[in-house]
Amino acid sequence: MEVLFILFVLFISVNGLQKSKLILKIAQKIEQGSYIPLKLVITTFFLSMFVTNDIALIVMVPLTLALNINKKDILVILEALSANSGSALTPIGNPQNLFIYWFYNIPLDSFIKTIAPFSLIFLVLLVLTSLFIKTKTNIVEKEIKKVDKKAYIYGVLLIVVLLTVLHILPILSGLVVVTFAILFDRKSLKIDYALLLSFLFFFGIADNLETILKLFLNEDAKHIFLYSALSSQIISNVPATLLFVNLTSNWKDLLWGTNVGGFGSLFGSLANLIAYRIYITSKHNQNTKKFTLKFFIFGYISFVVSLVIYFVTMNYSS
């Protein structure tokens, strides 16, 4: 429920920033110059390391959709991959990392060293891919919008939410976001509630699977890795982490498995669902089936590449 509440106030904060035209203003700055796909990929990758993959996409996908360029569907997919691979590198990059880091009491240097090959190899692959994406600015230029003064308030509220995520402020601090929206800007409350219900569903089935997996799971490293990666495809990697920490002491392979499991299906990571839902519910979506197919193709190519990286890395280290 705490995770759902944080996502709820995050959606409100970013929605407020979007309606205040601040995101459009930033997007127009990004449009200036070249290498737009590269700038978006790198920004998403490093932003996700510090503010989580979910938050990075809640910020970056609306910003990308506000750009006056083509190929937004590919850019959103690359951002989802960047957020999942970048967030894997730090304990605070995503919820499953933070939980594993605290649950097993892992030294920071050991944590980063273990997962670094996964993140850094994907950074190189994503940078190379982005260089091959050629975008064009649309002929019809957008009129520069004046930023509403509420944007600065929502900026402060977003910082409050981020401090809550980092456990610097108590979780109830997020109520200030809800209170402001109710009193002064109720339009910002119009968020994707269906997405929040989807998250609730994934968390709810994790406990029911624990009893079943106990019958098949053993402490073999590859066993832990494959089961956590594959189960993430069905129930998402955060619930999968909550499920497997009670079944194994092998944190390294669980860390790899749940982060690799973020690739592939739409359900592999909550971040995938966030990017997907924001895009298909926007006015820029021209063909949902085509976008979904592209999302799966890029996702499962990345999943297979991740498997190769894991087995090569683990064999080398052993």
C-alpha atoms as a PDB file:
ATOM      1  CA  MET A   1       0.000   0.000   0.000  1.00  0.00           C
ATOM      2  CA  GLU A   2       2.936   2.342   0.653  1.00  0.00           C
ATOM      3  CA  VAL A   3       4.286   1.715  -2.862  1.00  0.00           C
ATOM      4  CA  LEU A   4       0.848   2.369  -4.353  1.00  0.00           C
ATOM      5  CA  PHE A   5       0.487   5.581  -2.360  1.00  0.00           C
ATOM      6  CA  ILE A   6       3.909   6.845  -3.510  1.00  0.00           C
ATOM      7  CA  LEU A   7       3.018   6.078  -7.138  1.00  0.00           C
ATOM      8  CA  PHE A   8      -0.319   7.846  -6.658  1.00  0.00           C
ATOM      9  CA  VAL A   9       1.250  11.117  -5.475  1.00  0.00           C
ATOM     10  CA  LEU A  10       3.984  10.809  -8.126  1.00  0.00           C
ATOM     11  CA  PHE A  11       1.383  10.606 -10.874  1.00  0.00           C
ATOM     12  CA  ILE A  12      -0.378  13.681  -9.482  1.00  0.00           C
ATOM     13  CA  SER A  13       2.872  15.690  -9.262  1.00  0.00           C
ATOM     14  CA  VAL A  14       4.005  14.896 -12.803  1.00  0.00           C
ATOM     15  CA  ASN A  15       0.481  15.407 -14.169  1.00  0.00           C
ATOM     16  CA  GLY A  16       0.478  18.850 -12.582  1.00  0.00           C
ATOM     17  CA  LEU A  17       3.857  19.653 -14.162  1.00  0.00           C
ATOM     18  CA  GLN A  18       2.571  18.492 -17.518  1.00  0.00           C
ATOM     19  CA  LYS A  19      -0.596  20.592 -17.378  1.00  0.00           C
ATOM     20  CA  SER A  20       1.399  23.651 -16.288  1.00  0.00           C
ATOM     21  CA  LYS A  21       3.368  23.441 -19.581  1.00  0.00           C
ATOM     22  CA  LEU A  22       6.733  23.091 -17.802  1.00  0.00           C
ATOM     23  CA  ILE A  23       7.409  19.699 -19.390  1.00  0.00           C
ATOM     24  CA  LEU A  24       6.583  21.152 -22.821  1.00  0.00           C
ATOM     25  CA  LYS A  25       9.008  24.009 -22.155  1.00  0.00           C
ATOM     26  CA  ILE A  26      11.806  21.577 -21.268  1.00  0.00           C
ATOM     27  CA  ALA A  27      10.965  19.467 -24.321  1.00  0.00           C
ATOM     28  CA  GLN A  28      11.389  22.466 -26.590  1.00  0.00           C
ATOM     29  CA  LYS A  29      14.870  22.999 -25.130  1.00  0.00           C
ATOM     30  CA  ILE A  30      15.793  19.365 -25.853  1.00  0.00           C
ATOM     31  CA  GLU A  31      14.622  19.736 -29.456  1.00  0.00           C
ATOM     32  CA  GLN A  32      17.379  22.260 -30.058  1.00  0.00           C
ATOM     33  CA  GLY A  33      20.498  20.670 -31.512  1.00  0.00           C
ATOM     34  CA  SER A  34      21.116  17.095 -32.646  1.00  0.00           C
ATOM     35  CA  TYR A  35      21.376  13.606 -31.114  1.00  0.00           C
ATOM     36  CA  ILE A  36      17.965  13.859 -29.444  1.00  0.00           C
ATOM     37  CA  PRO A  37      17.569  10.046 -29.013  1.00  0.00           C
ATOM     38  CA  LEU A  38      21.029   9.854 -27.424  1.00  0.00           C
ATOM     39  CA  LYS A  39      20.224  12.680 -25.004  1.00  0.00           C
ATOM     40  CA  LEU A  40      16.956  11.027 -23.976  1.00  0.00           C
ATOM     41  CA  VAL A  41      18.546   7.591 -23.473  1.00  0.00           C
ATOM     42  CA  ILE A  42      21.470   8.873 -21.396  1.00  0.00           C
ATOM     43  CA  THR A  43      19.272  11.170 -19.314  1.00  0.00           C
ATOM     44  CA  THR A  44      16.827   8.362 -18.537  1.00  0.00           C
ATOM     45  CA  PHE A  45      19.641   5.916 -17.720  1.00  0.00           C
ATOM     46  CA  PHE A  46      21.390   8.149 -15.185  1.00  0.00           C
ATOM     47  CA  LEU A  47      18.196   9.680 -13.783  1.00  0.00           C
ATOM     48  CA  SER A  48      16.855   6.210 -12.981  1.00  0.00           C
ATOM     49  CA  MET A  49      19.974   5.427 -10.946  1.00  0.00           C
ATOM     50  CA  PHE A  50      19.004   8.030  -8.365  1.00  0.00           C
ATOM     51  CA  VAL A  51      15.226   8.529  -8.524  1.00  0.00           C
ATOM     52  CA  THR A  52      14.130   4.945  -9.472  1.00  0.00           C
ATOM     53  CA  ASN A  53      13.148   3.637 -12.894  1.00  0.00           C
ATOM     54  CA  ASP A  54       9.446   4.313 -12.264  1.00  0.00           C
ATOM     55  CA  ILE A  55       9.967   7.996 -11.474  1.00  0.00           C
ATOM     56  CA  ALA A  56      12.427   8.449 -14.338  1.00  0.00           C
ATOM     57  CA  LEU A  57       9.806   7.221 -16.811  1.00  0.00           C
ATOM     58  CA  ILE A  58       6.964   9.150 -15.187  1.00  0.00           C
ATOM     59  CA  VAL A  59       9.064  12.247 -15.931  1.00  0.00           C
ATOM     60  CA  MET A  60      10.779  11.337 -19.220  1.00  0.00           C
ATOM     61  CA  VAL A  61       7.938   9.725 -21.207  1.00  0.00           C
ATOM     62  CA  PRO A  62       5.572  12.737 -20.993  1.00  0.00           C
ATOM     63  CA  LEU A  63       8.561  14.950 -21.823  1.00  0.00           C
ATOM     64  CA  THR A  64       9.333  12.809 -24.884  1.00  0.00           C
ATOM     65  CA  LEU A  65       5.716  12.913 -26.028  1.00  0.00           C
ATOM     66  CA  ALA A  66       5.847  16.696 -25.833  1.00  0.00           C
ATOM     67  CA  LEU A  67       8.734  16.804 -28.329  1.00  0.00           C
ATOM     68  CA  ASN A  68       7.986  18.043 -31.825  1.00  0.00           C
ATOM     69  CA  ILE A  69       9.627  15.035 -33.526  1.00  0.00           C
ATOM     70  CA  ASN A  70       8.735  11.663 -35.061  1.00  0.00           C
ATOM     71  CA  LYS A  71       9.557   8.095 -33.883  1.00  0.00           C
ATOM     72  CA  LYS A  72       8.268   8.748 -30.375  1.00  0.00           C
ATOM     73  CA  ASP A  73       7.196   5.120 -30.030  1.00  0.00           C
ATOM     74  CA  ILE A  74      10.772   3.842 -30.454  1.00  0.00           C
ATOM     75  CA  LEU A  75      12.103   6.531 -28.143  1.00  0.00           C
ATOM     76  CA  VAL A  76       9.659   5.550 -25.380  1.00  0.00           C
ATOM     77  CA  ILE A  77      10.681   1.893 -25.719  1.00  0.00           C
ATOM     78  CA  LEU A  78      14.388   2.794 -25.535  1.00  0.00           C
ATOM     79  CA  GLU A  79      13.671   4.897 -22.453  1.00  0.00           C
ATOM     80  CA  ALA A  80      11.979   1.937 -20.769  1.00  0.00           C
ATOM     81  CA  LEU A  81      15.047  -0.208 -21.470  1.00  0.00           C
ATOM     82  CA  SER A  82      17.338   2.580 -20.262  1.00  0.00           C
ATOM     83  CA  ALA A  83      15.386   3.012 -17.039  1.00  0.00           C
ATOM     84  CA  ASN A  84      15.463  -0.710 -16.248  1.00  0.00           C
ATOM     85  CA  SER A  85      19.179  -1.117 -16.975  1.00  0.00           C
ATOM     86  CA  GLY A  86      20.292   2.146 -15.362  1.00  0.00           C
ATOM     87  CA  SER A  87      18.278   1.648 -12.189  1.00  0.00           C
ATOM     88  CA  ALA A  88      19.878  -1.779 -11.674  1.00  0.00           C
ATOM     89  CA  LEU A  89      23.249  -0.226 -10.837  1.00  0.00           C
ATOM     90  CA  THR A  90      22.337   1.348  -7.483  1.00  0.00           C
ATOM     91  CA  PRO A  91      20.444   0.189  -4.378  1.00  0.00           C
ATOM     92  CA  ILE A  92      18.005   3.105  -4.708  1.00  0.00           C
ATOM     93  CA  GLY A  93      17.520   2.667  -8.465  1.00  0.00           C
ATOM     94  CA  ASN A  94      14.438   0.503  -8.153  1.00  0.00           C
ATOM     95  CA  PRO A  95      12.268  -1.032  -5.407  1.00  0.00           C
ATOM     96  CA  GLN A  96      13.615  -4.587  -5.734  1.00  0.00           C
ATOM     97  CA  ASN A  97      17.228  -3.390  -5.444  1.00  0.00           C
ATOM     98  CA  LEU A  98      16.460  -1.402  -2.325  1.00  0.00           C
ATOM     99  CA  PHE A  99      14.693  -4.360  -0.738  1.00  0.00           C
ATOM    100  CA  ILE A 100      17.525  -6.803  -1.567  1.00  0.00           C
ATOM    101  CA  TYR A 101      20.148  -4.305  -0.356  1.00  0.00           C
ATOM    102  CA  TRP A 102      18.522  -3.895   3.071  1.00  0.00           C
ATOM    103  CA  PHE A 103      17.244  -7.466   3.499  1.00  0.00           C
ATOM    104  CA  TYR A 104      20.675  -9.075   2.986  1.00  0.00           C
ATOM    105  CA  ASN A 105      22.688  -6.180   4.493  1.00  0.00           C
ATOM    106  CA  ILE A 106      24.968  -5.967   1.440  1.00  0.00           C
ATOM    107  CA  PRO A 107      28.066  -3.691   1.325  1.00  0.00           C
ATOM    108  CA  LEU A 108      27.575  -0.961  -1.283  1.00  0.00           C
ATOM    109  CA  ASP A 109      30.747  -1.786  -3.238  1.00  0.00           C
ATOM    110  CA  SER A 110      29.819  -5.482  -3.457  1.00  0.00           C
ATOM    111  CA  PHE A 111      26.330  -4.604  -4.650  1.00  0.00           C
ATOM    112  CA  ILE A 112      27.535  -2.321  -7.459  1.00  0.00           C
ATOM    113  CA  LYS A 113      30.367  -4.654  -8.476  1.00  0.00           C
ATOM    114  CA  THR A 114      27.959  -7.589  -8.798  1.00  0.00           C
ATOM    115  CA  ILE A 115      25.454  -5.922 -11.109  1.00  0.00           C
ATOM    116  CA  ALA A 116      27.772  -3.474 -12.947  1.00  0.00           C
ATOM    117  CA  PRO A 117      28.336  -5.716 -16.022  1.00  0.00           C
ATOM    118  CA  PHE A 118      24.588  -5.843 -16.643  1.00  0.00           C
ATOM    119  CA  SER A 119      24.075  -2.065 -16.461  1.00  0.00           C
ATOM    120  CA  LEU A 120      27.242  -0.910 -18.224  1.00  0.00           C
ATOM    121  CA  ILE A 121      27.017  -3.319 -21.159  1.00  0.00           C
ATOM    122  CA  PHE A 122      23.420  -2.226 -21.741  1.00  0.00           C
ATOM    123  CA  LEU A 123      24.436   1.431 -21.531  1.00  0.00           C
ATOM    124  CA  VAL A 124      26.854   0.850 -24.412  1.00  0.00           C
ATOM    125  CA  LEU A 125      24.251  -1.093 -26.415  1.00  0.00           C
ATOM    126  CA  LEU A 126      21.568   1.559 -25.875  1.00  0.00           C
ATOM    127  CA  VAL A 127      23.926   4.404 -26.783  1.00  0.00           C
ATOM    128  CA  LEU A 128      24.880   2.632 -30.015  1.00  0.00           C
ATOM    129  CA  THR A 129      21.233   1.926 -30.815  1.00  0.00           C
ATOM    130  CA  SER A 130      20.203   5.535 -30.182  1.00  0.00           C
ATOM    131  CA  LEU A 131      22.843   6.748 -32.637  1.00  0.00           C
ATOM    132  CA  PHE A 132      21.092   4.794 -35.382  1.00  0.00           C
ATOM    133  CA  ILE A 133      17.708   6.377 -34.621  1.00  0.00           C
ATOM    134  CA  LYS A 134      17.299   9.351 -36.930  1.00  0.00           C
ATOM    135  CA  THR A 135      14.515  11.725 -35.894  1.00  0.00           C
ATOM    136  CA  LYS A 136      13.007  14.617 -37.801  1.00  0.00           C
ATOM    137  CA  THR A 137      11.424  17.731 -36.372  1.00  0.00           C
ATOM    138  CA  ASN A 138       7.887  18.227 -37.634  1.00  0.00           C
ATOM    139  CA  ILE A 139       7.401  21.052 -40.112  1.00  0.00           C
ATOM    140  CA  VAL A 140       4.629  22.722 -38.115  1.00  0.00           C
ATOM    141  CA  GLU A 141       6.250  24.397 -35.131  1.00  0.00           C
ATOM    142  CA  LYS A 142       4.449  24.557 -31.836  1.00  0.00           C
ATOM    143  CA  GLU A 143       3.620  27.844 -30.245  1.00  0.00           C
ATOM    144  CA  ILE A 144       5.747  28.378 -27.144  1.00  0.00           C
ATOM    145  CA  LYS A 145       3.428  28.131 -24.161  1.00  0.00           C
ATOM    146  CA  LYS A 146       3.740  30.258 -21.062  1.00  0.00           C
ATOM    147  CA  VAL A 147       4.527  28.195 -18.001  1.00  0.00           C
ATOM    148  CA  ASP A 148       1.851  28.334 -15.293  1.00  0.00           C
ATOM    149  CA  LYS A 149       3.054  29.470 -11.868  1.00  0.00           C
ATOM    150  CA  LYS A 150       1.740  26.211 -10.407  1.00  0.00           C
ATOM    151  CA  ALA A 151       4.666  24.473 -12.120  1.00  0.00           C
ATOM    152  CA  TYR A 152       7.051  25.723  -9.444  1.00  0.00           C
ATOM    153  CA  ILE A 153       4.773  24.417  -6.695  1.00  0.00           C
ATOM    154  CA  TYR A 154       4.550  21.022  -8.394  1.00  0.00           C
ATOM    155  CA  GLY A 155       8.338  21.039  -8.745  1.00  0.00           C
ATOM    156  CA  VAL A 156       8.648  21.421  -4.973  1.00  0.00           C
ATOM    157  CA  LEU A 157       5.983  18.744  -4.431  1.00  0.00           C
ATOM    158  CA  LEU A 158       7.893  16.356  -6.691  1.00  0.00           C
ATOM    159  CA  ILE A 159      11.011  16.904  -4.574  1.00  0.00           C
ATOM    160  CA  VAL A 160       8.949  16.110  -1.465  1.00  0.00           C
ATOM    161  CA  VAL A 161       7.864  12.820  -3.052  1.00  0.00           C
ATOM    162  CA  LEU A 162      11.450  11.949  -4.016  1.00  0.00           C
ATOM    163  CA  LEU A 163      12.605  12.592  -0.448  1.00  0.00           C
ATOM    164  CA  THR A 164       9.832  10.276   0.686  1.00  0.00           C
ATOM    165  CA  VAL A 165      11.067   7.555  -1.671  1.00  0.00           C
ATOM    166  CA  LEU A 166      14.576   7.953  -0.211  1.00  0.00           C
ATOM    167  CA  HIS A 167      13.140   7.652   3.334  1.00  0.00           C
ATOM    168  CA  ILE A 168      14.346  11.137   4.242  1.00  0.00           C
ATOM    169  CA  LEU A 169      10.760  12.270   4.837  1.00  0.00           C
ATOM    170  CA  PRO A 170       7.944  10.130   6.285  1.00  0.00           C
ATOM    171  CA  ILE A 171       5.578   8.582   3.759  1.00  0.00           C
ATOM    172  CA  LEU A 172       2.652  10.677   4.982  1.00  0.00           C
ATOM    173  CA  SER A 173       4.472  13.747   3.618  1.00  0.00           C
ATOM    174  CA  GLY A 174       2.917  12.773   0.295  1.00  0.00           C
ATOM    175  CA  LEU A 175      -0.446  13.929   1.620  1.00  0.00           C
ATOM    176  CA  VAL A 176       0.643  17.499   0.931  1.00  0.00           C
ATOM    177  CA  VAL A 177       0.495  16.659  -2.802  1.00  0.00           C
ATOM    178  CA  VAL A 178      -3.035  15.297  -2.550  1.00  0.00           C
ATOM    179  CA  THR A 179      -4.150  18.247  -0.389  1.00  0.00           C
ATOM    180  CA  PHE A 180      -2.804  20.816  -2.856  1.00  0.00           C
ATOM    181  CA  ALA A 181      -4.451  19.065  -5.803  1.00  0.00           C
ATOM    182  CA  ILE A 182      -7.834  18.862  -4.074  1.00  0.00           C
ATOM    183  CA  LEU A 183      -7.803  22.504  -2.960  1.00  0.00           C
ATOM    184  CA  PHE A 184      -6.208  24.239  -5.951  1.00  0.00           C
ATOM    185  CA  ASP A 185      -5.920  21.980  -9.014  1.00  0.00           C
ATOM    186  CA  ARG A 186      -8.369  19.077  -9.198  1.00  0.00           C
ATOM    187  CA  LYS A 187      -7.576  18.453 -12.868  1.00  0.00           C
ATOM    188  CA  SER A 188      -4.234  16.975 -11.800  1.00  0.00           C
ATOM    189  CA  LEU A 189      -6.158  14.202 -10.016  1.00  0.00           C
ATOM    190  CA  LYS A 190      -7.166  12.788 -13.413  1.00  0.00           C
ATOM    191  CA  ILE A 191      -4.478  10.091 -13.547  1.00  0.00           C
ATOM    192  CA  ASP A 192      -4.350   6.462 -14.707  1.00  0.00           C
ATOM    193  CA  TYR A 193      -6.114   4.687 -11.832  1.00  0.00           C
ATOM    194  CA  ALA A 194      -6.297   1.461 -13.861  1.00  0.00           C
ATOM    195  CA  LEU A 195      -2.504   1.306 -13.756  1.00  0.00           C
ATOM    196  CA  LEU A 196      -2.528   1.556  -9.949  1.00  0.00           C
ATOM    197  CA  LEU A 197      -5.026  -1.322  -9.788  1.00  0.00           C
ATOM    198  CA  SER A 198      -2.705  -3.383 -11.995  1.00  0.00           C
ATOM    199  CA  PHE A 199       0.110  -2.909  -9.466  1.00  0.00           C
ATOM    200  CA  LEU A 200      -2.194  -4.015  -6.659  1.00  0.00           C
ATOM    201  CA  PHE A 201      -2.965  -7.209  -8.574  1.00  0.00           C
ATOM    202  CA  PHE A 202       0.731  -8.098  -8.999  1.00  0.00           C
ATOM    203  CA  PHE A 203       1.503  -7.604  -5.310  1.00  0.00           C
ATOM    204  CA  GLY A 204      -1.518  -9.662  -4.326  1.00  0.00           C
ATOM    205  CA  ILE A 205      -0.543 -12.893  -6.077  1.00  0.00           C
ATOM    206  CA  ALA A 206       3.084 -13.056  -4.850  1.00  0.00           C
ATOM    207  CA  ASP A 207       2.223 -14.680  -1.511  1.00  0.00           C
ATOM    208  CA  ASN A 208       0.139 -17.362  -3.190  1.00  0.00           C
ATOM    209  CA  LEU A 209       3.078 -18.454  -5.372  1.00  0.00           C
ATOM    210  CA  GLU A 210       5.530 -18.855  -2.498  1.00  0.00           C
ATOM    211  CA  THR A 211       4.076 -22.195  -1.368  1.00  0.00           C
ATOM    212  CA  ILE A 212       4.210 -23.582  -4.901  1.00  0.00           C
ATOM    213  CA  LEU A 213       7.813 -22.518  -5.575  1.00  0.00           C
ATOM    214  CA  LYS A 214       9.091 -24.061  -2.356  1.00  0.00           C
ATOM    215  CA  LEU A 215       8.395 -27.451  -3.938  1.00  0.00           C
ATOM    216  CA  PHE A 216      10.709 -26.827  -6.912  1.00  0.00           C
ATOM    217  CA  LEU A 217      13.362 -24.352  -5.796  1.00  0.00           C
ATOM    218  CA  ASN A 218      16.846 -25.182  -4.541  1.00  0.00           C
ATOM    219  CA  GLU A 219      19.906 -23.057  -3.727  1.00  0.00           C
ATOM    220  CA  ASP A 220      21.642 -23.602  -7.070  1.00  0.00           C
ATOM    221  CA  ALA A 221      22.680 -20.175  -8.417  1.00  0.00           C
ATOM    222  CA  LYS A 222      21.345 -20.725 -11.941  1.00  0.00           C
ATOM    223  CA  HIS A 223      18.116 -22.055 -10.440  1.00  0.00           C
ATOM    224  CA  ILE A 224      17.591 -18.871  -8.421  1.00  0.00           C
ATOM    225  CA  PHE A 225      18.467 -16.687 -11.395  1.00  0.00           C
ATOM    226  CA  LEU A 226      16.186 -18.397 -13.900  1.00  0.00           C
ATOM    227  CA  TYR A 227      13.197 -18.778 -11.580  1.00  0.00           C
ATOM    228  CA  SER A 228      13.320 -15.128 -10.463  1.00  0.00           C
ATOM    229  CA  ALA A 229      13.806 -13.854 -14.029  1.00  0.00           C
ATOM    230  CA  LEU A 230      10.993 -15.992 -15.448  1.00  0.00           C
ATOM    231  CA  SER A 231       8.544 -15.350 -12.601  1.00  0.00           C
ATOM    232  CA  SER A 232       9.129 -11.617 -13.106  1.00  0.00           C
ATOM    233  CA  GLN A 233       7.659 -12.020 -16.580  1.00  0.00           C
ATOM    234  CA  ILE A 234       4.351 -12.959 -14.984  1.00  0.00           C
ATOM    235  CA  ILE A 235       4.084 -11.141 -11.656  1.00  0.00           C
ATOM    236  CA  SER A 236       6.653  -8.317 -12.178  1.00  0.00           C
ATOM    237  CA  ASN A 237      10.112  -8.146 -10.607  1.00  0.00           C
ATOM    238  CA  VAL A 238       9.166  -6.313  -7.399  1.00  0.00           C
ATOM    239  CA  PRO A 239       6.623  -8.938  -6.227  1.00  0.00           C
ATOM    240  CA  ALA A 240       9.041 -11.646  -7.456  1.00  0.00           C
ATOM    241  CA  THR A 241      11.724 -10.191  -5.176  1.00  0.00           C
ATOM    242  CA  LEU A 242       9.371 -10.194  -2.193  1.00  0.00           C
ATOM    243  CA  LEU A 243       8.626 -13.806  -3.035  1.00  0.00           C
ATOM    244  CA  PHE A 244      12.201 -15.117  -3.416  1.00  0.00           C
ATOM    245  CA  VAL A 245      13.937 -13.363  -0.507  1.00  0.00           C
ATOM    246  CA  ASN A 246      12.123 -15.760   1.806  1.00  0.00           C
ATOM    247  CA  LEU A 247      13.300 -18.736  -0.241  1.00  0.00           C
ATOM    248  CA  THR A 248      17.026 -18.108  -0.752  1.00  0.00           C
ATOM    249  CA  SER A 249      20.147 -16.558   0.752  1.00  0.00           C
ATOM    250  CA  ASN A 250      21.744 -16.231  -2.693  1.00  0.00           C
ATOM    251  CA  TRP A 251      21.394 -12.475  -3.156  1.00  0.00           C
ATOM    252  CA  LYS A 252      23.723 -12.070  -6.147  1.00  0.00           C
ATOM    253  CA  ASP A 253      21.752 -14.298  -8.484  1.00  0.00           C
ATOM    254  CA  LEU A 254      18.459 -12.990  -7.152  1.00  0.00           C
ATOM    255  CA  LEU A 255      19.676  -9.446  -7.885  1.00  0.00           C
ATOM    256  CA  TRP A 256      20.572 -10.461 -11.431  1.00  0.00           C
ATOM    257  CA  GLY A 257      17.397 -12.448 -11.949  1.00  0.00           C
ATOM    258  CA  THR A 258      14.961  -9.740 -10.887  1.00  0.00           C
ATOM    259  CA  ASN A 259      16.750  -7.038 -12.883  1.00  0.00           C
ATOM    260  CA  VAL A 260      17.013  -9.191 -16.001  1.00  0.00           C
ATOM    261  CA  GLY A 261      13.353 -10.087 -15.459  1.00  0.00           C
ATOM    262  CA  GLY A 262      12.511  -6.411 -15.883  1.00  0.00           C
ATOM    263  CA  PHE A 263      13.026  -6.904 -19.616  1.00  0.00           C
ATOM    264  CA  GLY A 264      10.677  -8.932 -21.778  1.00  0.00           C
ATOM    265  CA  SER A 265       6.978  -8.737 -21.027  1.00  0.00           C
ATOM    266  CA  LEU A 266       4.985  -5.651 -20.172  1.00  0.00           C
ATOM    267  CA  PHE A 267       4.629  -7.108 -16.674  1.00  0.00           C
ATOM    268  CA  GLY A 268       8.367  -7.710 -16.182  1.00  0.00           C
ATOM    269  CA  SER A 269       8.755  -4.355 -14.481  1.00  0.00           C
ATOM    270  CA  LEU A 270       6.303  -1.797 -13.179  1.00  0.00           C
ATOM    271  CA  ALA A 271       8.346   0.697 -15.172  1.00  0.00           C
ATOM    272  CA  ASN A 272       7.380  -1.122 -18.383  1.00  0.00           C
ATOM    273  CA  LEU A 273       3.696  -0.724 -17.582  1.00  0.00           C
ATOM    274  CA  ILE A 274       4.173   2.943 -16.758  1.00  0.00           C
ATOM    275  CA  ALA A 275       5.889   3.717 -20.080  1.00  0.00           C
ATOM    276  CA  TYR A 276       3.422   1.564 -22.023  1.00  0.00           C
ATOM    277  CA  ARG A 277       0.281   3.012 -20.456  1.00  0.00           C
ATOM    278  CA  ILE A 278       1.439   6.625 -20.749  1.00  0.00           C
ATOM    279  CA  TYR A 279       2.107   6.139 -24.450  1.00  0.00           C
ATOM    280  CA  ILE A 280      -0.996   4.177 -25.496  1.00  0.00           C
ATOM    281  CA  THR A 281      -3.330   6.529 -23.628  1.00  0.00           C
ATOM    282  CA  SER A 282      -1.755   9.604 -25.236  1.00  0.00           C
ATOM    283  CA  LYS A 283      -2.867  11.318 -28.431  1.00  0.00           C
ATOM    284  CA  HIS A 284       0.395  10.253 -30.081  1.00  0.00           C
ATOM    285  CA  ASN A 285      -0.591   6.571 -30.175  1.00  0.00           C
ATOM    286  CA  GLN A 286      -1.594   5.740 -33.750  1.00  0.00           C
ATOM    287  CA  ASN A 287      -1.593   1.932 -33.545  1.00  0.00           C
ATOM    288  CA  THR A 288      -1.690   0.116 -30.189  1.00  0.00           C
ATOM    289  CA  LYS A 289      -1.062  -3.349 -31.680  1.00  0.00           C
ATOM    290  CA  LYS A 290       1.974  -2.157 -33.603  1.00  0.00           C
ATOM    291  CA  PHE A 291       3.434  -0.391 -30.570  1.00  0.00           C
ATOM    292  CA  THR A 292       2.793  -3.440 -28.365  1.00  0.00           C
ATOM    293  CA  LEU A 293       4.573  -5.694 -30.878  1.00  0.00           C
ATOM    294  CA  LYS A 294       7.579  -3.361 -30.982  1.00  0.00           C
ATOM    295  CA  PHE A 295       7.638  -3.224 -27.168  1.00  0.00           C
ATOM    296  CA  PHE A 296       7.714  -7.043 -26.977  1.00  0.00           C
ATOM    297  CA  ILE A 297      10.372  -7.406 -29.690  1.00  0.00           C
ATOM    298  CA  PHE A 298      12.764  -4.903 -28.105  1.00  0.00           C
ATOM    299  CA  GLY A 299      12.002  -6.263 -24.638  1.00  0.00           C
ATOM    300  CA  TYR A 300      12.662  -9.917 -25.398  1.00  0.00           C
ATOM    301  CA  ILE A 301      15.770  -9.188 -27.462  1.00  0.00           C
ATOM    302  CA  SER A 302      17.071  -7.384 -24.368  1.00  0.00           C
ATOM    303  CA  PHE A 303      15.979 -10.303 -22.180  1.00  0.00           C
ATOM    304  CA  VAL A 304      17.943 -12.815 -24.285  1.00  0.00           C
ATOM    305  CA  VAL A 305      20.996 -10.537 -24.369  1.00  0.00           C
ATOM    306  CA  SER A 306      20.754 -10.264 -20.573  1.00  0.00           C
ATOM    307  CA  LEU A 307      20.767 -14.061 -20.234  1.00  0.00           C
ATOM    308  CA  VAL A 308      23.951 -14.224 -22.303  1.00  0.00           C
ATOM    309  CA  ILE A 309      25.593 -11.488 -20.220  1.00  0.00           C
ATOM    310  CA  TYR A 310      24.673 -13.307 -16.996  1.00  0.00           C
ATOM    311  CA  PHE A 311      26.026 -16.720 -18.009  1.00  0.00           C
ATOM    312  CA  VAL A 312      29.212 -15.267 -19.504  1.00  0.00           C
ATOM    313  CA  THR A 313      29.785 -13.053 -16.446  1.00  0.00           C
ATOM    314  CA  MET A 314      29.069 -15.771 -13.908  1.00  0.00           C
ATOM    315  CA  ASN A 315      31.262 -18.343 -15.693  1.00  0.00           C
ATOM    316  CA  TYR A 316      34.092 -15.821 -15.912  1.00  0.00           C
ATOM    317  CA  SER A 317      33.849 -14.822 -12.259  1.00  0.00           C
ATOM    318  CA  SER A 318      33.720 -18.446 -11.128  1.00  0.00           C
END
